Amino acid sequence: MDERKRKRKLSNRESARRSRMRKQQHLDEMIAQETQIQEENKKLRQMIDSASQLYINFASDNNVLRAQVTELTDRLRSLNSVLQIASEVSGLAFDIPDIPDTLLEPWQLPCPIQPIAASADMFQY
């Protein structure tokens, strides 16, 4: 009976050792996976930050361009009114150009049929 108990104890110890080893291996794998996920998360955050900064820059540039369009449209209207007055005073017929709709409605593309060319490199971070 003692021999059976001793063998059983030995078998249990070996089984517990293998179980601890498997548990440690699993823990090591989980830690490695956590590190990998944290690195991936860091890269994704950097990409999001870069994309956000690009968006802010583009939005700022867009606001400047809209302000310039507004200013230039106002100048064109003023010049057209000067030409109109000069035409009425002098009796000469001046060709007064119309203000293009794209200046009055900048959200409409002037050539909606033509594709806008862009390279994949312009979105690299």
Protein backbone atom coordinates (compact mmCIF):
# COMPACT_ATOMS: atom_id res chain seq x y z
CA MET A 1 0.00 0.00 0.00
CA ASP A 2 2.83 2.40 0.78
CA GLU A 3 4.33 1.80 -2.64
CA ARG A 4 1.01 2.66 -4.33
CA LYS A 5 0.67 5.82 -2.23
CA ARG A 6 4.22 6.84 -3.03
CA LYS A 7 3.70 6.26 -6.78
CA ARG A 8 0.42 8.13 -6.64
CA LYS A 9 2.04 11.06 -4.81
CA LEU A 10 4.87 11.11 -7.30
CA SER A 11 2.41 10.99 -10.20
CA ASN A 12 0.38 13.83 -8.67
CA ARG A 13 3.50 15.92 -8.14
CA GLU A 14 4.56 15.39 -11.74
CA SER A 15 1.08 16.22 -12.97
CA ALA A 16 1.03 19.40 -10.84
CA ARG A 17 4.48 20.36 -12.17
CA ARG A 18 3.31 19.91 -15.77
CA SER A 19 0.17 21.90 -14.97
CA ARG A 20 2.26 24.75 -13.49
CA MET A 21 4.52 24.69 -16.55
CA ARG A 22 1.51 24.87 -18.90
CA LYS A 23 0.06 27.68 -16.82
CA GLN A 24 3.39 29.59 -16.90
CA GLN A 25 3.69 29.04 -20.66
CA HIS A 26 0.15 30.30 -21.15
CA LEU A 27 0.92 33.33 -18.96
CA ASP A 28 4.08 34.06 -20.99
CA GLU A 29 2.10 33.83 -24.23
CA MET A 30 -0.56 36.17 -22.85
CA ILE A 31 2.09 38.69 -21.75
CA ALA A 32 3.70 38.55 -25.22
CA GLN A 33 0.30 39.04 -26.83
CA GLU A 34 -0.41 41.98 -24.51
CA THR A 35 2.88 43.60 -25.50
CA GLN A 36 2.11 43.08 -29.19
CA ILE A 37 -1.39 44.54 -28.81
CA GLN A 38 -0.03 47.54 -26.90
CA GLU A 39 2.50 48.21 -29.69
CA GLU A 40 -0.22 47.90 -32.31
CA ASN A 41 -2.44 50.21 -30.26
CA LYS A 42 0.40 52.75 -30.03
CA LYS A 43 0.90 52.66 -33.82
CA LEU A 44 -2.83 53.07 -34.41
CA ARG A 45 -2.95 56.04 -32.03
CA GLN A 46 -0.04 57.62 -33.90
CA MET A 47 -1.83 57.08 -37.20
CA ILE A 48 -5.01 58.60 -35.79
CA ASP A 49 -3.06 61.57 -34.43
CA SER A 50 -1.37 62.07 -37.82
CA ALA A 51 -4.69 61.82 -39.65
CA SER A 52 -6.27 64.26 -37.19
CA GLN A 53 -3.43 66.72 -37.71
CA LEU A 54 -3.78 66.39 -41.49
CA TYR A 55 -7.51 67.02 -41.17
CA ILE A 56 -6.89 70.12 -39.05
CA ASN A 57 -4.35 71.40 -41.58
CA PHE A 58 -6.68 70.74 -44.51
CA ALA A 59 -9.60 72.37 -42.70
CA SER A 60 -7.47 75.41 -41.93
CA ASP A 61 -6.27 75.65 -45.54
CA ASN A 62 -9.86 75.24 -46.71
CA ASN A 63 -11.01 78.09 -44.46
CA VAL A 64 -8.26 80.33 -45.84
CA LEU A 65 -9.23 79.43 -49.41
CA ARG A 66 -12.92 80.09 -48.70
CA ALA A 67 -12.05 83.50 -47.26
CA GLN A 68 -9.93 84.25 -50.33
CA VAL A 69 -12.78 83.19 -52.65
CA THR A 70 -15.16 85.48 -50.76
CA GLU A 71 -12.73 88.39 -50.93
CA LEU A 72 -11.98 87.87 -54.62
CA THR A 73 -15.68 87.53 -55.42
CA ASP A 74 -16.36 90.82 -53.65
CA ARG A 75 -13.52 92.47 -55.59
CA LEU A 76 -14.90 91.09 -58.85
CA ARG A 77 -18.35 92.47 -58.04
CA SER A 78 -16.81 95.88 -57.26
CA LEU A 79 -14.85 95.89 -60.50
CA ASN A 80 -17.93 94.83 -62.44
CA SER A 81 -19.90 97.71 -60.92
CA VAL A 82 -17.07 100.14 -61.84
CA LEU A 83 -17.16 98.80 -65.40
CA GLN A 84 -20.94 99.18 -65.46
CA ILE A 85 -20.71 102.80 -64.30
CA ALA A 86 -17.89 103.51 -66.80
CA SER A 87 -19.98 101.97 -69.55
CA GLU A 88 -22.99 104.14 -68.68
CA VAL A 89 -20.94 107.36 -68.38
CA SER A 90 -18.85 106.89 -71.52
CA GLY A 91 -21.55 105.38 -73.66
CA LEU A 92 -19.16 102.64 -74.68
CA ALA A 93 -20.13 99.02 -74.35
CA PHE A 94 -17.77 97.10 -72.12
CA ASP A 95 -17.77 93.35 -71.93
CA ILE A 96 -18.59 92.75 -68.28
CA PRO A 97 -17.95 89.13 -67.36
CA ASP A 98 -20.44 87.29 -65.20
CA ILE A 99 -19.34 85.97 -61.85
CA PRO A 100 -18.95 82.20 -62.24
CA ASP A 101 -21.38 80.10 -60.25
CA THR A 102 -18.46 78.21 -58.74
CA LEU A 103 -17.42 81.39 -56.93
CA LEU A 104 -20.93 81.96 -55.61
CA GLU A 105 -21.47 78.29 -54.79
CA PRO A 106 -18.01 76.85 -54.00
CA TRP A 107 -19.42 73.51 -52.85
CA GLN A 108 -20.27 72.67 -56.47
CA LEU A 109 -17.42 71.35 -58.54
CA PRO A 110 -16.84 73.14 -61.85
CA CYS A 111 -16.32 69.85 -63.71
CA PRO A 112 -18.16 67.09 -61.84
CA ILE A 113 -17.60 64.58 -64.66
CA GLN A 114 -13.80 64.69 -64.49
CA PRO A 115 -12.20 62.55 -61.78
CA ILE A 116 -9.89 64.16 -59.27
CA ALA A 117 -6.44 62.61 -59.55
CA ALA A 118 -4.74 61.65 -56.30
CA SER A 119 -1.79 59.46 -55.49
CA ALA A 120 -1.72 56.91 -52.70
CA ASP A 121 1.43 58.61 -51.36
CA MET A 122 -0.46 61.71 -50.31
CA PHE A 123 -2.07 59.77 -47.44
CA GLN A 124 1.13 58.21 -46.10
CA TYR A 125 2.10 59.21 -42.60
